[in-house]
């Protein structure tokens, strides 16, 4: 079996740790933006997409964390 670039990349653990911090933070900020949008008039597209953005960031964080424990 030949090593892939992912295995040879020395920054791979740092990128993974950074993603594990930034993805939940993005989810939290999307929820805060959604919560504050009720007080102010927000574009309907943003109001519709912010919950999906928060959900997507949360799911990506969970997938990244699961792959971390497998590796």
PDB file of N, CA and C in Angstrom:
ATOM      1  N   UNK A   1       0.847  -1.177   0.000  1.00  0.00           N
ATOM      2  CA  UNK A   1       0.000   0.000   0.000  1.00  0.00           C
ATOM      3  C   UNK A   1       0.890   1.236   0.000  1.00  0.00           C
ATOM      4  N   UNK A   2       0.563   2.185  -0.862  1.00  0.00           N
ATOM      5  CA  UNK A   2       1.357   3.396  -0.991  1.00  0.00           C
ATOM      6  C   UNK A   2       0.792   4.493  -0.096  1.00  0.00           C
ATOM      7  N   UNK A   3       1.663   5.236   0.576  1.00  0.00           N
ATOM      8  CA  UNK A   3       1.157   6.324   1.423  1.00  0.00           C
ATOM      9  C   UNK A   3       0.550   7.428   0.577  1.00  0.00           C
ATOM     10  N   UNK A   4      -0.522   8.006   1.072  1.00  0.00           N
ATOM     11  CA  UNK A   4      -1.175   9.112   0.371  1.00  0.00           C
ATOM     12  C   UNK A   4      -0.619  10.432   0.876  1.00  0.00           C
ATOM     13  N   UNK A   5      -0.948  11.490   0.178  1.00  0.00           N
ATOM     14  CA  UNK A   5      -0.493  12.802   0.612  1.00  0.00           C
ATOM     15  C   UNK A   5      -1.054  13.168   1.981  1.00  0.00           C
ATOM     16  N   UNK A   6      -2.256  12.664   2.292  1.00  0.00           N
ATOM     17  CA  UNK A   6      -2.859  12.941   3.600  1.00  0.00           C
ATOM     18  C   UNK A   6      -1.998  12.371   4.718  1.00  0.00           C
ATOM     19  N   UNK A   7      -1.419  11.195   4.512  1.00  0.00           N
ATOM     20  CA  UNK A   7      -0.574  10.591   5.536  1.00  0.00           C
ATOM     21  C   UNK A   7       0.763  11.283   5.644  1.00  0.00           C
ATOM     22  N   UNK A   8       1.241  11.844   4.545  1.00  0.00           N
ATOM     23  CA  UNK A   8       2.542  12.486   4.548  1.00  0.00           C
ATOM     24  C   UNK A   8       2.483  13.943   4.989  1.00  0.00           C
ATOM     25  N   UNK A   9       1.314  14.520   5.074  1.00  0.00           N
ATOM     26  CA  UNK A   9       1.164  15.930   5.416  1.00  0.00           C
ATOM     27  C   UNK A   9       1.393  16.136   6.916  1.00  0.00           C
ATOM     28  N   UNK A  10       2.438  16.881   7.300  1.00  0.00           N
ATOM     29  CA  UNK A  10       2.699  17.083   8.736  1.00  0.00           C
ATOM     30  C   UNK A  10       1.687  18.018   9.402  1.00  0.00           C
ATOM     31  N   UNK A  11       0.941  18.794   8.616  1.00  0.00           N
ATOM     32  CA  UNK A  11      -0.033  19.725   9.193  1.00  0.00           C
ATOM     33  C   UNK A  11      -1.425  19.125   9.342  1.00  0.00           C
ATOM     34  N   UNK A  12      -1.594  17.871   8.958  1.00  0.00           N
ATOM     35  CA  UNK A  12      -2.915  17.244   9.009  1.00  0.00           C
ATOM     36  C   UNK A  12      -3.522  17.254  10.427  1.00  0.00           C
ATOM     37  N   UNK A  13      -2.780  16.900  11.472  1.00  0.00           N
ATOM     38  CA  UNK A  13      -3.383  16.959  12.823  1.00  0.00           C
ATOM     39  C   UNK A  13      -3.777  18.379  13.228  1.00  0.00           C
ATOM     40  N   UNK A  14      -2.983  19.354  12.828  1.00  0.00           N
ATOM     41  CA  UNK A  14      -3.310  20.739  13.165  1.00  0.00           C
ATOM     42  C   UNK A  14      -4.577  21.181  12.442  1.00  0.00           C
ATOM     43  N   UNK A  15      -4.711  20.799  11.186  1.00  0.00           N
ATOM     44  CA  UNK A  15      -5.928  21.144  10.435  1.00  0.00           C
ATOM     45  C   UNK A  15      -7.158  20.505  11.053  1.00  0.00           C
ATOM     46  N   UNK A  16      -7.020  19.279  11.488  1.00  0.00           N
ATOM     47  CA  UNK A  16      -8.158  18.583  12.091  1.00  0.00           C
ATOM     48  C   UNK A  16      -8.556  19.233  13.414  1.00  0.00           C
ATOM     49  N   UNK A  17      -7.563  19.558  14.251  1.00  0.00           N
ATOM     50  CA  UNK A  17      -7.873  20.222  15.526  1.00  0.00           C
ATOM     51  C   UNK A  17      -8.517  21.583  15.288  1.00  0.00           C
ATOM     52  N   UNK A  18      -8.036  22.312  14.281  1.00  0.00           N
ATOM     53  CA  UNK A  18      -8.612  23.614  13.966  1.00  0.00           C
ATOM     54  C   UNK A  18     -10.064  23.461  13.526  1.00  0.00           C
ATOM     55  N   UNK A  19     -10.330  22.466  12.709  1.00  0.00           N
ATOM     56  CA  UNK A  19     -11.710  22.224  12.272  1.00  0.00           C
ATOM     57  C   UNK A  19     -12.596  21.856  13.450  1.00  0.00           C
ATOM     58  N   UNK A  20     -12.066  21.098  14.396  1.00  0.00           N
ATOM     59  CA  UNK A  20     -12.865  20.701  15.559  1.00  0.00           C
ATOM     60  C   UNK A  20     -13.203  21.892  16.451  1.00  0.00           C
ATOM     61  N   UNK A  21     -12.450  22.963  16.361  1.00  0.00           N
ATOM     62  CA  UNK A  21     -12.785  24.180  17.108  1.00  0.00           C
ATOM     63  C   UNK A  21     -13.674  25.111  16.292  1.00  0.00           C
ATOM     64  N   UNK A  22     -13.377  25.242  14.999  1.00  0.00           N
ATOM     65  CA  UNK A  22     -14.085  26.240  14.199  1.00  0.00           C
ATOM     66  C   UNK A  22     -15.484  25.803  13.761  1.00  0.00           C
ATOM     67  N   UNK A  23     -15.689  24.532  13.514  1.00  0.00           N
ATOM     68  CA  UNK A  23     -17.020  24.079  13.084  1.00  0.00           C
ATOM     69  C   UNK A  23     -18.081  24.293  14.164  1.00  0.00           C
ATOM     70  N   UNK A  24     -17.839  23.884  15.413  1.00  0.00           N
ATOM     71  CA  UNK A  24     -18.860  24.184  16.447  1.00  0.00           C
ATOM     72  C   UNK A  24     -19.023  25.692  16.686  1.00  0.00           C
ATOM     73  N   UNK A  25     -17.922  26.436  16.555  1.00  0.00           N
ATOM     74  CA  UNK A  25     -18.027  27.887  16.711  1.00  0.00           C
ATOM     75  C   UNK A  25     -18.893  28.482  15.604  1.00  0.00           C
ATOM     76  N   UNK A  26     -18.726  28.004  14.390  1.00  0.00           N
ATOM     77  CA  UNK A  26     -19.565  28.464  13.282  1.00  0.00           C
ATOM     78  C   UNK A  26     -21.027  28.126  13.500  1.00  0.00           C
ATOM     79  N   UNK A  27     -21.285  26.935  14.035  1.00  0.00           N
ATOM     80  CA  UNK A  27     -22.663  26.544  14.331  1.00  0.00           C
ATOM     81  C   UNK A  27     -23.267  27.463  15.396  1.00  0.00           C
ATOM     82  N   UNK A  28     -22.488  27.750  16.421  1.00  0.00           N
ATOM     83  CA  UNK A  28     -22.971  28.634  17.482  1.00  0.00           C
ATOM     84  C   UNK A  28     -23.249  30.037  16.947  1.00  0.00           C
ATOM     85  N   UNK A  29     -22.348  30.549  16.129  1.00  0.00           N
ATOM     86  CA  UNK A  29     -22.538  31.893  15.584  1.00  0.00           C
ATOM     87  C   UNK A  29     -23.726  31.953  14.618  1.00  0.00           C
ATOM     88  N   UNK A  30     -23.962  30.890  13.878  1.00  0.00           N
ATOM     89  CA  UNK A  30     -25.133  30.862  13.000  1.00  0.00           C
ATOM     90  C   UNK A  30     -26.415  30.883  13.829  1.00  0.00           C
ATOM     91  N   UNK A  31     -26.416  30.158  14.949  1.00  0.00           N
ATOM     92  CA  UNK A  31     -27.597  30.176  15.821  1.00  0.00           C
ATOM     93  C   UNK A  31     -27.793  31.536  16.481  1.00  0.00           C
ATOM     94  N   UNK A  32     -26.697  32.185  16.868  1.00  0.00           N
ATOM     95  CA  UNK A  32     -26.799  33.531  17.451  1.00  0.00           C
ATOM     96  C   UNK A  32     -27.338  34.508  16.414  1.00  0.00           C
ATOM     97  N   UNK A  33     -26.852  34.415  15.186  1.00  0.00           N
ATOM     98  CA  UNK A  33     -27.359  35.294  14.122  1.00  0.00           C
ATOM     99  C   UNK A  33     -28.832  35.034  13.871  1.00  0.00           C
ATOM    100  N   UNK A  34     -29.246  33.777  13.910  1.00  0.00           N
ATOM    101  CA  UNK A  34     -30.654  33.452  13.719  1.00  0.00           C
ATOM    102  C   UNK A  34     -31.503  34.008  14.865  1.00  0.00           C
ATOM    103  N   UNK A  35     -31.000  33.861  16.092  1.00  0.00           N
ATOM    104  CA  UNK A  35     -31.757  34.349  17.252  1.00  0.00           C
ATOM    105  C   UNK A  35     -31.870  35.870  17.232  1.00  0.00           C
ATOM    106  N   UNK A  36     -30.834  36.553  16.844  1.00  0.00           N
ATOM    107  CA  UNK A  36     -30.892  38.016  16.814  1.00  0.00           C
ATOM    108  C   UNK A  36     -31.666  38.525  15.603  1.00  0.00           C
ATOM    109  N   UNK A  37     -31.865  37.671  14.611  1.00  0.00           N
ATOM    110  CA  UNK A  37     -32.602  38.102  13.431  1.00  0.00           C
ATOM    111  C   UNK A  37     -34.086  38.282  13.720  1.00  0.00           C
ATOM    112  N   UNK A  38     -34.568  37.720  14.786  1.00  0.00           N
ATOM    113  CA  UNK A  38     -35.983  37.891  15.132  1.00  0.00           C
ATOM    114  C   UNK A  38     -36.273  39.328  15.564  1.00  0.00           C
ATOM    115  N   UNK A  39     -35.280  39.971  16.197  1.00  0.00           N
ATOM    116  CA  UNK A  39     -35.477  41.356  16.635  1.00  0.00           C
ATOM    117  C   UNK A  39     -35.363  42.331  15.461  1.00  0.00           C
ATOM    118  N   UNK A  40     -34.472  42.062  14.545  1.00  0.00           N
ATOM    119  CA  UNK A  40     -34.281  42.941  13.388  1.00  0.00           C
ATOM    120  C   UNK A  40     -34.792  42.238  12.135  1.00  0.00           C
ATOM    121  N   UNK A  41     -35.082  43.024  11.135  1.00  0.00           N
ATOM    122  CA  UNK A  41     -35.525  42.440   9.878  1.00  0.00           C
ATOM    123  C   UNK A  41     -34.319  41.890   9.137  1.00  0.00           C
ATOM    124  N   UNK A  42     -34.310  40.602   8.912  1.00  0.00           N
ATOM    125  CA  UNK A  42     -33.227  39.928   8.200  1.00  0.00           C
ATOM    126  C   UNK A  42     -33.763  39.435   6.872  1.00  0.00           C
ATOM    127  N   UNK A  43     -32.889  39.342   5.918  1.00  0.00           N
ATOM    128  CA  UNK A  43     -33.272  38.827   4.608  1.00  0.00           C
ATOM    129  C   UNK A  43     -33.924  37.453   4.792  1.00  0.00           C
ATOM    130  N   UNK A  44     -35.052  37.192   4.149  1.00  0.00           N
ATOM    131  CA  UNK A  44     -35.729  35.896   4.313  1.00  0.00           C
ATOM    132  C   UNK A  44     -34.854  34.704   3.932  1.00  0.00           C
ATOM    133  N   UNK A  45     -33.968  34.896   2.976  1.00  0.00           N
ATOM    134  CA  UNK A  45     -33.067  33.804   2.589  1.00  0.00           C
ATOM    135  C   UNK A  45     -32.141  33.465   3.749  1.00  0.00           C
ATOM    136  N   UNK A  46     -31.580  34.495   4.388  1.00  0.00           N
ATOM    137  CA  UNK A  46     -30.712  34.255   5.540  1.00  0.00           C
ATOM    138  C   UNK A  46     -31.484  33.606   6.685  1.00  0.00           C
ATOM    139  N   UNK A  47     -32.689  34.071   6.917  1.00  0.00           N
ATOM    140  CA  UNK A  47     -33.493  33.503   7.994  1.00  0.00           C
ATOM    141  C   UNK A  47     -33.791  32.026   7.747  1.00  0.00           C
ATOM    142  N   UNK A  48     -33.945  31.657   6.480  1.00  0.00           N
ATOM    143  CA  UNK A  48     -34.215  30.264   6.127  1.00  0.00           C
ATOM    144  C   UNK A  48     -32.939  29.409   6.191  1.00  0.00           C
ATOM    145  N   UNK A  49     -31.808  29.966   5.764  1.00  0.00           N
ATOM    146  CA  UNK A  49     -30.588  29.167   5.640  1.00  0.00           C
ATOM    147  C   UNK A  49     -29.745  29.071   6.919  1.00  0.00           C
ATOM    148  N   UNK A  50     -29.869  30.027   7.820  1.00  0.00           N
ATOM    149  CA  UNK A  50     -29.041  29.998   9.030  1.00  0.00           C
ATOM    150  C   UNK A  50     -29.230  28.727   9.866  1.00  0.00           C
ATOM    151  N   UNK A  51     -30.452  28.231  10.085  1.00  0.00           N
ATOM    152  CA  UNK A  51     -30.570  26.971  10.842  1.00  0.00           C
ATOM    153  C   UNK A  51     -29.920  25.791  10.121  1.00  0.00           C
ATOM    154  N   UNK A  52     -30.040  25.745   8.789  1.00  0.00           N
ATOM    155  CA  UNK A  52     -29.393  24.665   8.045  1.00  0.00           C
ATOM    156  C   UNK A  52     -27.874  24.781   8.098  1.00  0.00           C
ATOM    157  N   UNK A  53     -27.376  26.002   8.106  1.00  0.00           N
ATOM    158  CA  UNK A  53     -25.943  26.227   8.228  1.00  0.00           C
ATOM    159  C   UNK A  53     -25.444  25.738   9.588  1.00  0.00           C
ATOM    160  N   UNK A  54     -26.173  26.050  10.642  1.00  0.00           N
ATOM    161  CA  UNK A  54     -25.795  25.590  11.977  1.00  0.00           C
ATOM    162  C   UNK A  54     -25.842  24.069  12.062  1.00  0.00           C
ATOM    163  N   UNK A  55     -26.869  23.472  11.481  1.00  0.00           N
ATOM    164  CA  UNK A  55     -26.972  22.019  11.477  1.00  0.00           C
ATOM    165  C   UNK A  55     -25.830  21.393  10.682  1.00  0.00           C
ATOM    166  N   UNK A  56     -25.519  21.959   9.532  1.00  0.00           N
ATOM    167  CA  UNK A  56     -24.437  21.436   8.701  1.00  0.00           C
ATOM    168  C   UNK A  56     -23.088  21.517   9.404  1.00  0.00           C
ATOM    169  N   UNK A  57     -22.800  22.650  10.047  1.00  0.00           N
ATOM    170  CA  UNK A  57     -21.549  22.776  10.788  1.00  0.00           C
ATOM    171  C   UNK A  57     -21.486  21.765  11.922  1.00  0.00           C
ATOM    172  N   UNK A  58     -22.597  21.562  12.603  1.00  0.00           N
ATOM    173  CA  UNK A  58     -22.619  20.594  13.708  1.00  0.00           C
ATOM    174  C   UNK A  58     -22.382  19.171  13.203  1.00  0.00           C
ATOM    175  N   UNK A  59     -23.016  18.818  12.100  1.00  0.00           N
ATOM    176  CA  UNK A  59     -22.821  17.477  11.542  1.00  0.00           C
ATOM    177  C   UNK A  59     -21.388  17.273  11.051  1.00  0.00           C
ATOM    178  N   UNK A  60     -20.816  18.279  10.437  1.00  0.00           N
ATOM    179  CA  UNK A  60     -19.421  18.176  10.002  1.00  0.00           C
ATOM    180  C   UNK A  60     -18.476  18.028  11.192  1.00  0.00           C
ATOM    181  N   UNK A  61     -18.766  18.729  12.279  1.00  0.00           N
ATOM    182  CA  UNK A  61     -17.935  18.592  13.478  1.00  0.00           C
ATOM    183  C   UNK A  61     -18.040  17.179  14.049  1.00  0.00           C
ATOM    184  N   UNK A  62     -19.252  16.626  14.069  1.00  0.00           N
ATOM    185  CA  UNK A  62     -19.425  15.256  14.567  1.00  0.00           C
ATOM    186  C   UNK A  62     -18.709  14.242  13.679  1.00  0.00           C
ATOM    187  N   UNK A  63     -18.813  14.419  12.367  1.00  0.00           N
ATOM    188  CA  UNK A  63     -18.123  13.504  11.446  1.00  0.00           C
ATOM    189  C   UNK A  63     -16.611  13.599  11.606  1.00  0.00           C
ATOM    190  N   UNK A  64     -16.118  14.808  11.768  1.00  0.00           N
ATOM    191  CA  UNK A  64     -14.674  14.987  11.965  1.00  0.00           C
ATOM    192  C   UNK A  64     -14.225  14.348  13.260  1.00  0.00           C
ATOM    193  N   UNK A  65     -15.018  14.507  14.309  1.00  0.00           N
ATOM    194  CA  UNK A  65     -14.662  13.911  15.598  1.00  0.00           C
ATOM    195  C   UNK A  65     -14.693  12.378  15.518  1.00  0.00           C
ATOM    196  N   UNK A  66     -15.676  11.828  14.815  1.00  0.00           N
ATOM    197  CA  UNK A  66     -15.756  10.369  14.666  1.00  0.00           C
ATOM    198  C   UNK A  66     -14.559   9.839  13.873  1.00  0.00           C
ATOM    199  N   UNK A  67     -14.179  10.545  12.823  1.00  0.00           N
ATOM    200  CA  UNK A  67     -13.014  10.121  12.040  1.00  0.00           C
ATOM    201  C   UNK A  67     -11.724  10.251  12.829  1.00  0.00           C
ATOM    202  N   UNK A  68     -11.675  11.175  13.767  1.00  0.00           N
ATOM    203  CA  UNK A  68     -10.494  11.342  14.606  1.00  0.00           C
ATOM    204  C   UNK A  68     -10.310  10.116  15.493  1.00  0.00           C
ATOM    205  N   UNK A  69     -11.416   9.586  16.022  1.00  0.00           N
ATOM    206  CA  UNK A  69     -11.319   8.431  16.913  1.00  0.00           C
ATOM    207  C   UNK A  69     -11.032   7.160  16.146  1.00  0.00           C
ATOM    208  N   UNK A  70     -11.415   7.117  14.865  1.00  0.00           N
ATOM    209  CA  UNK A  70     -11.135   5.941  14.047  1.00  0.00           C
ATOM    210  C   UNK A  70      -9.685   5.864  13.604  1.00  0.00           C
ATOM    211  N   UNK A  71      -9.100   7.046  13.364  1.00  0.00           N
ATOM    212  CA  UNK A  71      -7.730   7.072  12.817  1.00  0.00           C
ATOM    213  C   UNK A  71      -6.688   6.729  13.839  1.00  0.00           C
TER     214      UNK A  71
END
